[in-house]
Structure formats: structure tokens, C-alpha cells
Protein backbone atom coordinates (compact mmCIF):
# COMPACT_ATOMS: atom_id res chain seq x y z
CA UNK A 1 5.15 17.34 4.69
CA UNK A 2 4.47 17.21 0.71
CA UNK A 3 6.65 16.07 -1.89
CA UNK A 4 7.16 18.26 -4.79
CA UNK A 5 6.49 15.89 -7.80
CA UNK A 6 2.62 15.62 -6.74
CA UNK A 7 -0.28 17.73 -7.89
CA UNK A 8 -2.21 18.91 -4.89
CA UNK A 9 -5.57 17.00 -4.52
CA UNK A 10 -5.43 15.30 -7.91
CA UNK A 11 -3.94 11.62 -7.61
CA UNK A 12 -2.25 9.20 -5.38
CA UNK A 13 1.70 9.69 -5.07
CA UNK A 14 3.68 6.67 -5.52
CA UNK A 15 7.61 6.93 -4.86
CA UNK A 16 10.02 4.03 -5.32
CA UNK A 17 13.19 4.72 -3.94
CA UNK A 18 15.70 2.98 -5.98
CA UNK A 19 19.01 1.21 -4.66
CA UNK A 20 20.41 0.89 -7.97
CA UNK A 21 22.32 4.32 -7.94
CA UNK A 22 24.39 2.96 -5.07
CA UNK A 23 24.48 -0.83 -5.80
CA UNK A 24 24.16 -1.30 -9.59
CA UNK A 25 23.04 -4.79 -9.08
CA UNK A 26 20.05 -3.96 -7.64
CA UNK A 27 18.42 -2.25 -10.84
CA UNK A 28 16.54 -5.83 -11.61
CA UNK A 29 14.89 -5.58 -8.20
CA UNK A 30 14.20 -1.47 -8.93
CA UNK A 31 12.65 -2.50 -12.29
CA UNK A 32 10.54 -5.43 -10.59
CA UNK A 33 9.18 -2.85 -8.12
CA UNK A 34 8.24 -0.49 -10.75
CA UNK A 35 6.27 -3.17 -12.93
CA UNK A 36 4.26 -4.32 -9.60
CA UNK A 37 3.44 -0.66 -8.84
CA UNK A 38 2.26 -0.16 -12.47
CA UNK A 39 0.06 -3.34 -12.38
CA UNK A 40 -1.33 -2.43 -9.08
CA UNK A 41 -2.21 1.01 -10.48
CA UNK A 42 -3.77 -0.39 -13.78
CA UNK A 43 -5.75 -2.98 -11.63
CA UNK A 44 -6.95 -0.57 -9.10
CA UNK A 45 -7.80 2.17 -11.49
CA UNK A 46 -6.57 4.67 -8.97
CA UNK A 47 -5.10 7.80 -10.57
CA UNK A 48 -1.52 7.86 -9.46
CA UNK A 49 1.65 9.55 -10.22
CA UNK A 50 4.67 7.21 -10.01
CA UNK A 51 8.11 8.41 -9.48
CA UNK A 52 11.32 6.48 -9.09
CA UNK A 53 14.24 8.45 -7.25
CA UNK A 54 17.85 7.14 -6.42
CA UNK A 55 18.38 6.51 -2.53
CA UNK A 56 20.76 8.97 -2.46
CA UNK A 57 18.73 11.74 -3.65
CA UNK A 58 16.13 10.53 -1.08
CA UNK A 59 18.64 10.82 1.58
CA UNK A 60 19.93 14.01 0.75
CA UNK A 61 16.45 15.84 1.20
CA UNK A 62 13.78 14.64 -1.47
CA UNK A 63 12.15 12.44 1.29
CA UNK A 64 11.31 13.52 4.73
CA UNK A 65 14.03 12.71 7.23
CA UNK A 66 11.65 10.69 9.49
CA UNK A 67 11.09 8.40 6.52
CA UNK A 68 14.65 7.75 5.75
CA UNK A 69 15.43 7.07 9.36
CA UNK A 70 12.55 4.44 9.13
CA UNK A 71 14.29 2.83 6.21
CA UNK A 72 17.65 3.08 7.73
CA UNK A 73 16.39 1.51 10.92
CA UNK A 74 14.65 -1.31 9.04
CA UNK A 75 18.15 -2.13 7.41
CA UNK A 76 19.75 -1.85 10.95
CA UNK A 77 17.23 -4.30 12.45
CA UNK A 78 16.79 -6.68 9.83
CA UNK A 79 20.17 -6.77 8.26
CA UNK A 80 18.88 -6.71 4.70
CA UNK A 81 18.81 -4.24 2.32
CA UNK A 82 15.21 -2.28 2.58
CA UNK A 83 15.33 -1.18 -1.00
CA UNK A 84 13.55 -0.70 -3.23
CA UNK A 85 11.24 1.02 -0.81
CA UNK A 86 7.65 1.78 -1.83
CA UNK A 87 5.62 4.89 -0.67
CA UNK A 88 2.27 5.68 -1.27
CA UNK A 89 1.04 8.89 -0.21
CA UNK A 90 4.01 9.59 1.97
CA UNK A 91 3.71 6.10 3.88
CA UNK A 92 6.08 3.45 3.68
CA UNK A 93 4.18 0.13 2.15
CA UNK A 94 6.90 -2.09 1.20
CA UNK A 95 10.68 -2.68 1.74
CA UNK A 96 12.41 -4.83 -1.21
CA UNK A 97 10.13 -5.97 -4.28
CA UNK A 98 6.47 -5.40 -3.30
CA UNK A 99 3.62 -7.65 -3.61
CA UNK A 100 0.97 -6.46 -5.99
CA UNK A 101 -1.77 -7.10 -3.31
CA UNK A 102 0.13 -4.73 -0.88
CA UNK A 103 0.38 -1.79 -3.32
CA UNK A 104 -3.19 -2.47 -4.34
CA UNK A 105 -4.33 -2.12 -0.62
CA UNK A 106 -2.47 0.79 -0.20
CA UNK A 107 -3.89 2.61 -3.37
CA UNK A 108 -7.41 1.56 -2.35
CA UNK A 109 -6.87 3.03 1.02
CA UNK A 110 -6.31 6.60 -0.56
CA UNK A 111 -9.67 6.04 -2.43
CA UNK A 112 -11.53 5.00 0.83
CA UNK A 113 -10.11 7.98 2.86
CA UNK A 114 -10.63 10.36 0.02
CA UNK A 115 -6.93 11.00 0.21
CA UNK A 116 -5.70 11.16 -3.32
CA UNK A 117 -3.37 13.94 -2.48
CA UNK A 118 -0.05 12.29 -3.46
CA UNK A 119 2.97 11.76 -1.10
CA UNK A 120 3.18 13.83 1.95
């Protein structure tokens, strides 16, 4: 399934699902996640389109139900808030504030596979 914000075949799609829409105190974590993603994109030179969406928007249809189910399952199993969640090409690569190296690895994998097609 492709998410509507990307241009097919042109670049990696990075989506940050933000929790601050529902829990305003999460705004600093969402901002940290955005900065980490921007740093990873800059350091890897991978062309990427980054989009931040509220969890409520993700839940009500802008993210495939299967991915939202994984996020909810993570919360149920760990007991901690799995937001912000970072997706690269439709794959969840981080729950919470991501590590730069994790995002860089996911971005570079898009180049290795020749799949710079954005979030699916």
C-alpha cells in the first residue's frame, strides 16, 4: 500500500507519527525525532521526503491498519508509549525518539535495494 504524500520512484518516504496531537507533552519528543531524521537524511545524502502526521490522522486512515496494529501492539506489550514512530518506506524502524544510526541504516537500505519509492 502506498501512502499519498510520496512521488512514486523518486525518493525514500519517511513518516513520523506524532503523539503531541493527543498528548501535548510529547511535542519535545516529536521535535527530537524530526531533528534525528533530518540529520540522518543529511548524513546519508539519500533523497527523502519527510512528513510528520498526528497519531489521530494515522489511526483514522492515513497509515495502513496493519502498521497501526503493530504500534498498538507495541504499546500493549511494553506498556510504554511507542510514539513518535518513524516509518521508512512503510516499515516501522523506530518507536520513541529514534537513534540516528537506526534511521541512517534504514535509509541506506533503500539505496541498496534500489527501492527509493517512498512509504508503502
